[in-house]
Amino acid sequence: MPLEDLKYLVWLKEQTCYTCMVCDSINSDDGIEWHHVKHDSTDIKNHKKLIPLCGHEHHRNGIEISAHGTPVLFRERFSMRSQYALADAIYKEYKEQNTLDE
């Protein structure tokens, strides 16, 4: 994994200001997990294209709507464009903060 990707992943894990894209909260049971935005499950993961989701409910196992549990419904409600826009905004914030730190 490229060093820049690793630094970004570490930065994401340290963040406490991001809320779930679905419910706009932080699920106190399992917190925020970072979901790779991809068109298809066979796509290579781009570590710069990540969105925050509640771990169990909206990322992995939710039955009403979740990125992995109900992927078709998730993409109908949250277009790829909106997912990429959020991922890009978060990565931009990372770049801006880290440019200031250098």
N, C-alpha and C. Protein backbone atom coordinates (compact mmCIF):
# COMPACT_ATOMS: atom_id res chain seq x y z
N MET A 1 0.86 -1.18 0.00
CA MET A 1 0.00 0.00 0.00
C MET A 1 0.90 1.24 0.00
N PRO A 2 0.58 2.20 -0.85
CA PRO A 2 1.37 3.43 -0.87
C PRO A 2 1.33 4.16 0.47
N LEU A 3 2.43 4.79 0.82
CA LEU A 3 2.54 5.49 2.10
C LEU A 3 1.45 6.57 2.24
N GLU A 4 1.15 7.29 1.17
CA GLU A 4 0.12 8.33 1.23
C GLU A 4 -1.23 7.73 1.60
N ASP A 5 -1.56 6.57 1.05
CA ASP A 5 -2.82 5.91 1.41
C ASP A 5 -2.83 5.51 2.88
N LEU A 6 -1.72 4.98 3.35
CA LEU A 6 -1.61 4.56 4.75
C LEU A 6 -1.78 5.76 5.68
N LYS A 7 -1.15 6.87 5.35
CA LYS A 7 -1.29 8.08 6.17
C LYS A 7 -2.75 8.54 6.21
N TYR A 8 -3.41 8.47 5.08
CA TYR A 8 -4.81 8.88 5.02
C TYR A 8 -5.69 7.97 5.88
N LEU A 9 -5.47 6.67 5.81
CA LEU A 9 -6.26 5.73 6.61
C LEU A 9 -6.06 5.97 8.10
N VAL A 10 -4.83 6.25 8.48
CA VAL A 10 -4.54 6.55 9.89
C VAL A 10 -5.28 7.83 10.30
N TRP A 11 -5.23 8.85 9.44
CA TRP A 11 -5.92 10.10 9.71
C TRP A 11 -7.42 9.87 9.89
N LEU A 12 -8.02 9.06 8.98
CA LEU A 12 -9.45 8.78 9.08
C LEU A 12 -9.81 8.14 10.41
N LYS A 13 -9.01 7.19 10.86
CA LYS A 13 -9.29 6.50 12.13
C LYS A 13 -9.25 7.45 13.32
N GLU A 14 -8.49 8.53 13.19
CA GLU A 14 -8.36 9.50 14.27
C GLU A 14 -9.51 10.51 14.29
N GLN A 15 -10.28 10.58 13.23
CA GLN A 15 -11.33 11.59 13.12
C GLN A 15 -12.56 11.21 13.96
N THR A 16 -13.11 12.21 14.62
CA THR A 16 -14.33 12.00 15.42
C THR A 16 -15.46 12.91 14.96
N CYS A 17 -15.22 13.70 13.93
CA CYS A 17 -16.21 14.70 13.51
C CYS A 17 -17.16 14.20 12.42
N TYR A 18 -16.89 13.05 11.84
CA TYR A 18 -17.72 12.58 10.73
C TYR A 18 -18.87 11.72 11.22
N THR A 19 -20.02 11.90 10.58
CA THR A 19 -21.20 11.13 10.92
C THR A 19 -21.59 10.24 9.75
N CYS A 20 -22.43 9.29 10.00
CA CYS A 20 -22.89 8.34 8.99
C CYS A 20 -23.59 9.07 7.84
N MET A 21 -23.26 8.69 6.62
CA MET A 21 -23.89 9.29 5.44
C MET A 21 -25.39 9.00 5.40
N VAL A 22 -25.82 7.91 5.98
CA VAL A 22 -27.23 7.51 5.94
C VAL A 22 -28.06 8.25 7.00
N CYS A 23 -27.62 8.18 8.25
CA CYS A 23 -28.45 8.70 9.35
C CYS A 23 -27.90 9.96 10.00
N ASP A 24 -26.74 10.42 9.56
CA ASP A 24 -26.12 11.64 10.06
C ASP A 24 -25.88 11.58 11.57
N SER A 25 -25.55 10.41 12.07
CA SER A 25 -25.22 10.29 13.49
C SER A 25 -24.05 9.33 13.65
N ILE A 26 -23.63 9.16 14.88
CA ILE A 26 -22.59 8.18 15.20
C ILE A 26 -23.25 7.14 16.07
N ASN A 27 -23.40 5.95 15.55
CA ASN A 27 -24.03 4.86 16.29
C ASN A 27 -23.13 4.51 17.47
N SER A 28 -23.62 4.71 18.67
CA SER A 28 -22.79 4.49 19.86
C SER A 28 -22.44 3.03 20.08
N ASP A 29 -23.17 2.10 19.47
CA ASP A 29 -22.89 0.69 19.66
C ASP A 29 -21.62 0.25 18.93
N ASP A 30 -21.45 0.72 17.69
CA ASP A 30 -20.26 0.27 16.96
C ASP A 30 -19.55 1.38 16.19
N GLY A 31 -19.97 2.60 16.34
CA GLY A 31 -19.26 3.73 15.77
C GLY A 31 -19.25 3.78 14.25
N ILE A 32 -18.37 4.62 13.73
CA ILE A 32 -18.25 4.84 12.30
C ILE A 32 -17.22 3.89 11.70
N GLU A 33 -17.57 3.33 10.55
CA GLU A 33 -16.62 2.55 9.75
C GLU A 33 -16.50 3.25 8.40
N TRP A 34 -15.38 3.05 7.74
CA TRP A 34 -15.13 3.71 6.46
C TRP A 34 -15.37 2.73 5.32
N HIS A 35 -16.32 3.07 4.48
CA HIS A 35 -16.73 2.22 3.35
C HIS A 35 -16.05 2.68 2.07
N HIS A 36 -15.43 1.74 1.35
CA HIS A 36 -14.84 2.03 0.04
C HIS A 36 -15.95 2.21 -0.99
N VAL A 37 -15.96 3.33 -1.66
CA VAL A 37 -16.94 3.58 -2.72
C VAL A 37 -16.45 2.88 -3.97
N LYS A 38 -17.27 1.96 -4.48
CA LYS A 38 -16.91 1.20 -5.68
C LYS A 38 -18.18 0.97 -6.51
N HIS A 39 -18.02 0.91 -7.81
CA HIS A 39 -19.14 0.61 -8.70
C HIS A 39 -19.56 -0.85 -8.60
N ASP A 40 -18.58 -1.71 -8.36
CA ASP A 40 -18.83 -3.15 -8.38
C ASP A 40 -17.94 -3.81 -7.34
N SER A 41 -18.36 -4.93 -6.81
CA SER A 41 -17.57 -5.61 -5.77
C SER A 41 -16.22 -6.10 -6.29
N THR A 42 -16.06 -6.21 -7.60
CA THR A 42 -14.78 -6.66 -8.15
C THR A 42 -13.80 -5.51 -8.40
N ASP A 43 -14.26 -4.26 -8.24
CA ASP A 43 -13.37 -3.12 -8.42
C ASP A 43 -12.28 -3.12 -7.35
N ILE A 44 -11.13 -2.61 -7.71
CA ILE A 44 -10.04 -2.46 -6.75
C ILE A 44 -10.38 -1.33 -5.79
N LYS A 45 -10.12 -1.56 -4.50
CA LYS A 45 -10.41 -0.55 -3.49
C LYS A 45 -9.49 0.65 -3.67
N ASN A 46 -10.08 1.83 -3.73
CA ASN A 46 -9.34 3.08 -3.76
C ASN A 46 -9.45 3.68 -2.37
N HIS A 47 -8.35 3.71 -1.65
CA HIS A 47 -8.38 4.16 -0.26
C HIS A 47 -8.64 5.65 -0.12
N LYS A 48 -8.66 6.38 -1.21
CA LYS A 48 -8.98 7.80 -1.15
C LYS A 48 -10.48 8.04 -1.39
N LYS A 49 -11.21 6.98 -1.64
CA LYS A 49 -12.66 7.08 -1.90
C LYS A 49 -13.41 6.34 -0.80
N LEU A 50 -13.50 6.97 0.37
CA LEU A 50 -14.13 6.35 1.53
C LEU A 50 -15.21 7.27 2.09
N ILE A 51 -16.30 6.65 2.55
CA ILE A 51 -17.39 7.41 3.17
C ILE A 51 -17.68 6.82 4.55
N PRO A 52 -18.13 7.66 5.49
CA PRO A 52 -18.44 7.18 6.84
C PRO A 52 -19.84 6.59 6.92
N LEU A 53 -19.91 5.42 7.54
CA LEU A 53 -21.20 4.75 7.77
C LEU A 53 -21.21 4.12 9.15
N CYS A 54 -22.39 4.03 9.77
CA CYS A 54 -22.52 3.27 11.02
C CYS A 54 -22.10 1.84 10.73
N GLY A 55 -21.23 1.30 11.56
CA GLY A 55 -20.64 -0.01 11.30
C GLY A 55 -21.62 -1.11 10.98
N HIS A 56 -22.42 -1.49 11.94
CA HIS A 56 -23.34 -2.63 11.74
C HIS A 56 -24.55 -2.24 10.91
N GLU A 57 -25.18 -1.16 11.28
CA GLU A 57 -26.48 -0.81 10.70
C GLU A 57 -26.42 -0.36 9.25
N HIS A 58 -25.49 0.50 8.90
CA HIS A 58 -25.50 1.06 7.54
C HIS A 58 -24.30 0.67 6.69
N HIS A 59 -23.33 -0.01 7.28
CA HIS A 59 -22.19 -0.46 6.49
C HIS A 59 -22.29 -1.94 6.16
N ARG A 60 -22.34 -2.79 7.18
CA ARG A 60 -22.22 -4.23 6.95
C ARG A 60 -23.51 -5.02 6.87
N ASN A 61 -24.38 -4.88 7.85
CA ASN A 61 -25.46 -5.85 8.00
C ASN A 61 -26.88 -5.31 8.05
N GLY A 62 -27.06 -4.04 7.91
CA GLY A 62 -28.41 -3.49 8.02
C GLY A 62 -29.36 -4.09 7.00
N ILE A 63 -30.60 -4.35 7.43
CA ILE A 63 -31.56 -4.96 6.51
C ILE A 63 -32.46 -3.92 5.85
N GLU A 64 -32.54 -2.72 6.44
CA GLU A 64 -33.33 -1.67 5.80
C GLU A 64 -32.53 -0.98 4.71
N ILE A 65 -31.31 -0.56 5.06
CA ILE A 65 -30.41 0.03 4.06
C ILE A 65 -28.98 -0.03 4.59
N SER A 66 -28.11 -0.66 3.82
CA SER A 66 -26.69 -0.71 4.16
C SER A 66 -25.88 -0.99 2.90
N ALA A 67 -24.66 -0.51 2.91
CA ALA A 67 -23.81 -0.62 1.72
C ALA A 67 -23.57 -2.07 1.31
N HIS A 68 -23.40 -2.97 2.28
CA HIS A 68 -23.15 -4.37 1.95
C HIS A 68 -24.39 -5.25 2.11
N GLY A 69 -25.28 -4.89 3.04
CA GLY A 69 -26.48 -5.69 3.27
C GLY A 69 -27.54 -5.52 2.20
N THR A 70 -27.73 -4.31 1.72
CA THR A 70 -28.71 -4.01 0.67
C THR A 70 -28.06 -3.07 -0.36
N PRO A 71 -27.05 -3.54 -1.09
CA PRO A 71 -26.29 -2.66 -1.97
C PRO A 71 -27.10 -1.98 -3.07
N VAL A 72 -28.06 -2.67 -3.65
CA VAL A 72 -28.85 -2.06 -4.73
C VAL A 72 -29.67 -0.90 -4.16
N LEU A 73 -30.35 -1.13 -3.06
CA LEU A 73 -31.13 -0.08 -2.41
C LEU A 73 -30.22 1.07 -1.98
N PHE A 74 -29.06 0.74 -1.44
CA PHE A 74 -28.13 1.77 -1.00
C PHE A 74 -27.73 2.68 -2.17
N ARG A 75 -27.42 2.08 -3.31
CA ARG A 75 -27.02 2.87 -4.48
C ARG A 75 -28.19 3.64 -5.10
N GLU A 76 -29.40 3.12 -4.92
CA GLU A 76 -30.57 3.87 -5.39
C GLU A 76 -30.78 5.12 -4.55
N ARG A 77 -30.58 4.99 -3.26
CA ARG A 77 -30.80 6.12 -2.36
C ARG A 77 -29.62 7.09 -2.35
N PHE A 78 -28.42 6.55 -2.45
CA PHE A 78 -27.20 7.36 -2.42
C PHE A 78 -26.44 7.09 -3.71
N SER A 79 -26.63 7.98 -4.68
CA SER A 79 -26.02 7.78 -6.00
C SER A 79 -24.50 7.69 -5.88
N MET A 80 -23.89 7.09 -6.88
CA MET A 80 -22.44 7.01 -6.91
C MET A 80 -21.86 8.42 -6.90
N ARG A 81 -22.53 9.32 -7.60
CA ARG A 81 -22.06 10.70 -7.65
C ARG A 81 -22.01 11.32 -6.24
N SER A 82 -23.06 11.10 -5.45
CA SER A 82 -23.08 11.67 -4.10
C SER A 82 -22.07 10.99 -3.19
N GLN A 83 -21.88 9.68 -3.36
CA GLN A 83 -20.86 8.98 -2.57
C GLN A 83 -19.46 9.50 -2.91
N TYR A 84 -19.18 9.63 -4.20
CA TYR A 84 -17.87 10.14 -4.61
C TYR A 84 -17.68 11.58 -4.15
N ALA A 85 -18.73 12.38 -4.20
CA ALA A 85 -18.61 13.78 -3.78
C ALA A 85 -18.23 13.87 -2.30
N LEU A 86 -18.87 13.05 -1.46
CA LEU A 86 -18.53 13.06 -0.04
C LEU A 86 -17.11 12.55 0.18
N ALA A 87 -16.76 11.46 -0.48
CA ALA A 87 -15.40 10.91 -0.35
C ALA A 87 -14.36 11.94 -0.77
N ASP A 88 -14.61 12.63 -1.86
CA ASP A 88 -13.67 13.65 -2.35
C ASP A 88 -13.56 14.82 -1.38
N ALA A 89 -14.67 15.23 -0.80
CA ALA A 89 -14.66 16.34 0.16
C ALA A 89 -13.84 15.98 1.41
N ILE A 90 -13.99 14.75 1.88
CA ILE A 90 -13.24 14.31 3.05
C ILE A 90 -11.75 14.23 2.73
N TYR A 91 -11.42 13.69 1.56
CA TYR A 91 -10.01 13.60 1.17
C TYR A 91 -9.42 15.00 0.99
N LYS A 92 -10.18 15.92 0.46
CA LYS A 92 -9.72 17.30 0.29
C LYS A 92 -9.42 17.93 1.65
N GLU A 93 -10.29 17.67 2.62
CA GLU A 93 -10.05 18.19 3.98
C GLU A 93 -8.75 17.63 4.54
N TYR A 94 -8.53 16.34 4.34
CA TYR A 94 -7.28 15.71 4.79
C TYR A 94 -6.08 16.41 4.15
N LYS A 95 -6.13 16.62 2.84
CA LYS A 95 -5.01 17.23 2.12
C LYS A 95 -4.77 18.66 2.62
N GLU A 96 -5.84 19.41 2.85
CA GLU A 96 -5.70 20.78 3.33
C GLU A 96 -5.08 20.81 4.72
N GLN A 97 -5.52 19.93 5.61
CA GLN A 97 -4.96 19.90 6.96
C GLN A 97 -3.51 19.48 6.94
N ASN A 98 -3.17 18.53 6.11
CA ASN A 98 -1.80 18.02 6.10
C ASN A 98 -0.86 18.94 5.35
N THR A 99 -1.36 19.78 4.47
CA THR A 99 -0.52 20.79 3.83
C THR A 99 -0.15 21.85 4.86
N LEU A 100 -1.11 22.19 5.73
CA LEU A 100 -0.85 23.17 6.78
C LEU A 100 0.15 22.66 7.80
N ASP A 101 0.15 21.35 8.05
CA ASP A 101 1.03 20.75 9.06
C ASP A 101 2.48 20.65 8.59
N GLU A 102 2.70 20.73 7.28
CA GLU A 102 4.06 20.53 6.75
C GLU A 102 4.90 21.76 6.89
